[in-house]
Protein backbone atom coordinates (compact mmCIF):
# COMPACT_ATOMS: atom_id res chain seq x y z
CA UNK A 1 -61.70 174.21 -94.06
CA UNK A 2 -59.49 176.23 -96.34
CA UNK A 3 -60.80 179.61 -95.05
CA UNK A 4 -59.95 178.39 -91.53
CA UNK A 5 -56.54 177.34 -92.58
CA UNK A 6 -55.76 180.60 -94.27
CA UNK A 7 -56.56 182.51 -90.90
CA UNK A 8 -54.39 180.46 -88.86
CA UNK A 9 -51.61 180.89 -91.38
CA UNK A 10 -52.19 184.57 -91.18
CA UNK A 11 -52.22 184.60 -87.51
CA UNK A 12 -49.12 182.79 -87.32
CA UNK A 13 -47.15 185.24 -89.70
CA UNK A 14 -48.41 188.02 -87.69
CA UNK A 15 -46.82 186.23 -84.34
CA UNK A 16 -43.55 185.48 -85.98
CA UNK A 17 -43.33 188.88 -87.21
CA UNK A 18 -44.43 190.51 -83.76
CA UNK A 19 -40.92 191.64 -81.99
CA UNK A 20 -39.94 189.46 -79.23
CA UNK A 21 -38.47 191.18 -76.28
CA UNK A 22 -34.60 191.08 -76.26
CA UNK A 23 -33.94 190.64 -72.55
CA UNK A 24 -35.61 189.20 -69.49
CA UNK A 25 -35.20 191.27 -66.53
CA UNK A 26 -35.96 189.91 -63.01
CA UNK A 27 -36.33 192.69 -60.63
CA UNK A 28 -36.59 191.72 -56.79
CA UNK A 29 -38.71 194.89 -55.91
CA UNK A 30 -41.38 196.95 -58.08
CA UNK A 31 -39.29 200.23 -58.21
CA UNK A 32 -36.64 198.51 -60.12
CA UNK A 33 -39.17 196.63 -62.47
CA UNK A 34 -40.65 200.18 -63.16
CA UNK A 35 -37.45 201.62 -63.63
CA UNK A 36 -36.20 198.83 -66.15
CA UNK A 37 -39.74 198.96 -67.99
CA UNK A 38 -39.11 202.67 -68.46
CA UNK A 39 -35.58 202.35 -69.93
CA UNK A 40 -36.48 199.20 -71.98
CA UNK A 41 -39.72 199.64 -73.32
CA UNK A 42 -40.77 196.79 -75.57
CA UNK A 43 -37.27 195.51 -75.50
CA UNK A 44 -37.67 193.99 -72.26
CA UNK A 45 -39.82 191.41 -70.73
CA UNK A 46 -39.68 192.59 -66.85
CA UNK A 47 -40.86 190.50 -63.71
CA UNK A 48 -41.07 192.05 -60.27
CA UNK A 49 -40.69 189.31 -57.56
CA UNK A 50 -42.67 191.20 -55.08
CA UNK A 51 -45.51 193.56 -54.98
CA UNK A 52 -45.84 196.98 -53.17
CA UNK A 53 -47.86 195.47 -50.77
CA UNK A 54 -45.24 192.85 -49.85
CA UNK A 55 -42.12 193.22 -47.47
CA UNK A 56 -39.17 192.44 -49.21
CA UNK A 57 -37.48 191.26 -45.98
CA UNK A 58 -40.00 188.23 -45.96
CA UNK A 59 -40.16 186.48 -49.22
CA UNK A 60 -39.78 182.99 -49.63
CA UNK A 61 -37.68 181.69 -52.46
CA UNK A 62 -40.59 179.72 -54.05
CA UNK A 63 -40.45 177.46 -57.05
CA UNK A 64 -42.19 180.13 -59.17
CA UNK A 65 -39.34 182.73 -58.45
CA UNK A 66 -36.60 180.06 -59.36
CA UNK A 67 -38.45 179.39 -62.41
CA UNK A 68 -38.52 183.11 -63.41
CA UNK A 69 -35.09 183.81 -62.35
CA UNK A 70 -33.48 180.69 -64.39
CA UNK A 71 -34.54 182.35 -67.68
CA UNK A 72 -33.44 185.93 -66.80
CA UNK A 73 -30.58 187.89 -68.48
CA UNK A 74 -30.46 190.65 -65.76
CA UNK A 75 -31.18 190.59 -62.36
CA UNK A 76 -31.75 193.95 -60.41
CA UNK A 77 -32.25 194.16 -56.75
CA UNK A 78 -31.73 196.84 -53.98
CA UNK A 79 -28.97 194.75 -52.46
CA UNK A 80 -27.30 195.87 -49.00
CA UNK A 81 -28.83 192.56 -47.72
CA UNK A 82 -32.01 193.53 -48.09
CA UNK A 83 -32.72 190.18 -50.09
CA UNK A 84 -30.38 188.30 -48.14
CA UNK A 85 -33.25 185.71 -46.88
CA UNK A 86 -34.16 184.50 -50.30
CA UNK A 87 -32.08 185.96 -53.27
CA UNK A 88 -29.03 183.80 -52.61
CA UNK A 89 -31.17 180.60 -52.77
CA UNK A 90 -32.66 181.60 -55.93
CA UNK A 91 -29.58 182.45 -57.38
CA UNK A 92 -28.00 179.15 -56.52
CA UNK A 93 -31.13 177.12 -57.35
CA UNK A 94 -31.32 178.84 -60.74
CA UNK A 95 -28.42 177.44 -62.64
CA UNK A 96 -28.15 180.65 -64.50
CA UNK A 97 -24.42 181.71 -65.06
CA UNK A 98 -25.48 184.81 -66.67
CA UNK A 99 -27.04 186.76 -63.36
CA UNK A 100 -24.61 185.36 -60.66
CA UNK A 101 -22.75 187.97 -58.59
CA UNK A 102 -19.86 189.64 -60.55
CA UNK A 103 -21.23 188.90 -63.87
CA UNK A 104 -22.95 191.87 -66.03
CA UNK A 105 -26.34 190.19 -65.68
CA UNK A 106 -26.39 191.02 -61.73
CA UNK A 107 -26.80 194.31 -60.33
CA UNK A 108 -27.38 195.81 -56.75
CA UNK A 109 -28.65 199.49 -56.87
CA UNK A 110 -27.39 200.43 -53.47
CA UNK A 111 -23.71 200.05 -54.85
CA UNK A 112 -24.02 202.79 -56.88
CA UNK A 113 -25.39 205.49 -54.57
CA UNK A 114 -24.34 206.99 -51.29
CA UNK A 115 -25.43 204.67 -48.63
CA UNK A 116 -26.90 206.09 -45.42
CA UNK A 117 -27.34 204.96 -41.74
CA UNK A 118 -24.16 202.32 -41.84
CA UNK A 119 -24.07 201.13 -38.26
CA UNK A 120 -20.90 201.77 -36.38
CA UNK A 121 -21.49 198.82 -33.97
CA UNK A 122 -23.12 195.29 -35.26
CA UNK A 123 -24.69 194.03 -32.01
CA UNK A 124 -28.03 191.58 -32.19
CA UNK A 125 -28.77 193.53 -29.03
CA UNK A 126 -29.60 196.48 -31.21
CA UNK A 127 -32.17 194.53 -32.90
CA UNK A 128 -32.88 194.21 -36.83
CA UNK A 129 -30.13 196.41 -38.34
CA UNK A 130 -28.54 196.44 -41.87
CA UNK A 131 -24.52 196.22 -41.57
CA UNK A 132 -24.23 197.80 -44.92
CA UNK A 133 -26.72 200.68 -44.51
CA UNK A 134 -30.03 201.60 -45.39
CA UNK A 135 -31.04 199.37 -48.41
CA UNK A 136 -34.01 201.46 -49.40
CA UNK A 137 -32.11 203.78 -51.62
CA UNK A 138 -35.20 204.23 -53.74
CA UNK A 139 -36.64 206.62 -51.24
CA UNK A 140 -34.01 209.35 -52.32
CA UNK A 141 -35.29 210.42 -55.88
CA UNK A 142 -31.76 211.48 -56.69
CA UNK A 143 -30.69 207.86 -56.34
CA UNK A 144 -33.06 206.80 -58.97
CA UNK A 145 -31.25 209.14 -61.47
CA UNK A 146 -27.96 207.50 -60.71
CA UNK A 147 -29.13 203.89 -60.82
CA UNK A 148 -31.11 204.50 -64.14
CA UNK A 149 -27.56 205.61 -65.89
CA UNK A 150 -26.00 202.48 -64.77
CA UNK A 151 -28.85 200.31 -65.66
CA UNK A 152 -29.10 201.83 -69.00
CA UNK A 153 -25.60 201.23 -69.36
CA UNK A 154 -26.13 197.50 -68.41
CA UNK A 155 -28.71 196.95 -70.82
CA UNK A 156 -26.70 198.22 -73.59
CA UNK A 157 -23.86 196.06 -72.81
CA UNK A 158 -26.20 193.00 -72.61
CA UNK A 159 -28.05 193.76 -75.89
CA UNK A 160 -25.78 195.90 -78.16
CA UNK A 161 -28.20 195.43 -81.12
CA UNK A 162 -30.50 197.84 -79.07
CA UNK A 163 -27.83 200.07 -77.42
CA UNK A 164 -29.12 203.10 -79.11
CA UNK A 165 -32.63 202.65 -78.09
CA UNK A 166 -31.65 202.25 -74.41
CA UNK A 167 -29.44 205.43 -74.62
CA UNK A 168 -32.34 207.56 -76.10
CA UNK A 169 -34.73 206.43 -73.39
CA UNK A 170 -32.36 206.81 -70.77
CA UNK A 171 -31.77 210.47 -71.72
CA UNK A 172 -35.54 211.09 -72.26
CA UNK A 173 -35.95 209.71 -68.66
CA UNK A 174 -33.17 211.40 -67.14
CA UNK A 175 -34.58 214.82 -68.36
CA UNK A 176 -38.12 214.05 -67.12
CA UNK A 177 -37.03 212.73 -63.79
CA UNK A 178 -34.85 215.75 -63.06
CA UNK A 179 -37.70 218.11 -63.63
CA UNK A 180 -39.88 216.13 -61.45
CA UNK A 181 -37.46 216.05 -58.75
CA UNK A 182 -37.13 219.80 -58.95
CA UNK A 183 -40.73 220.29 -58.68
CA UNK A 184 -40.91 217.97 -55.81
CA UNK A 185 -38.13 219.43 -53.86
CA UNK A 186 -39.75 222.99 -54.53
CA UNK A 187 -42.91 221.85 -53.20
CA UNK A 188 -41.14 220.59 -50.01
CA UNK A 189 -39.42 224.00 -49.30
CA UNK A 190 -42.73 226.02 -49.98
CA UNK A 191 -44.86 223.84 -47.95
CA UNK A 192 -45.99 225.95 -44.82
CA UNK A 193 -47.71 225.24 -41.80
CA UNK A 194 -51.39 224.37 -42.71
CA UNK A 195 -54.31 225.93 -40.55
CA UNK A 196 -54.78 222.84 -38.29
CA UNK A 197 -51.25 223.79 -36.84
CA UNK A 198 -49.69 220.57 -38.50
CA UNK A 199 -46.46 220.64 -40.50
CA UNK A 200 -46.42 219.54 -44.33
CA UNK A 201 -44.77 215.86 -44.16
CA UNK A 202 -41.46 215.52 -45.89
CA UNK A 203 -39.96 212.38 -47.59
CA UNK A 204 -38.06 210.40 -44.66
CA UNK A 205 -35.04 209.58 -46.84
CA UNK A 206 -34.66 213.25 -47.68
CA UNK A 207 -34.82 214.02 -44.44
CA UNK A 208 -32.10 211.73 -43.27
CA UNK A 209 -29.82 213.04 -46.10
CA UNK A 210 -27.38 215.96 -44.85
CA UNK A 211 -28.11 217.74 -48.00
CA UNK A 212 -31.81 218.23 -47.17
CA UNK A 213 -31.44 218.88 -43.46
CA UNK A 214 -32.41 222.26 -42.29
CA UNK A 215 -29.69 224.47 -40.67
CA UNK A 216 -29.17 224.06 -36.89
CA UNK A 217 -31.78 226.45 -35.58
CA UNK A 218 -34.94 226.19 -33.76
CA UNK A 219 -37.10 227.85 -36.61
CA UNK A 220 -39.04 225.19 -38.67
CA UNK A 221 -39.40 227.77 -41.55
CA UNK A 222 -36.39 226.44 -43.43
CA UNK A 223 -38.66 224.17 -45.38
CA UNK A 224 -40.61 227.34 -46.77
CA UNK A 225 -37.45 229.22 -47.79
């Protein structure tokens, strides 16, 4: 009996000594959950409201999500009305003042990047459109870098004790992400037509961005220049 008691006491001491996460992060989409985890490491406990196989437009404000967001210190979502069908209800039902819009604990990624495809005319006859522009800002890798800078600053603001850690991890991520982005861009520009006659695909969001559009000419060779 004494041996069992000693083991339990030892385990209890280990659990007490184990560093608890400083912040609870509620991410609306998995891309922001992954980014937060990369920037915060073991300082964060990160939860994603949806999986990569789910449609962010069609999520229900389930009790389980309300329970999660109630304890969050930071909410990060795409914004631009992508989550309009369920996020407002979660925020209202959470009773959590720390994460309400306008507070340091609420962040919409699309507010910190150049938004594309903002409609000039809002008409239901045009179908399902986003009045604030395309909310899928994560499809342009350069936007990830911009959001990362803002997010790391927000983490440092909410958890000043670990501000140096967030800064160091952000610098490391920025270097690695820039290198990866450059490699991807080089791959796109050197991609040549295959033997089957089918051109190599390029990311849709990049092709919509003016900086990545080819010059106005008929030759498709721009992507291999």
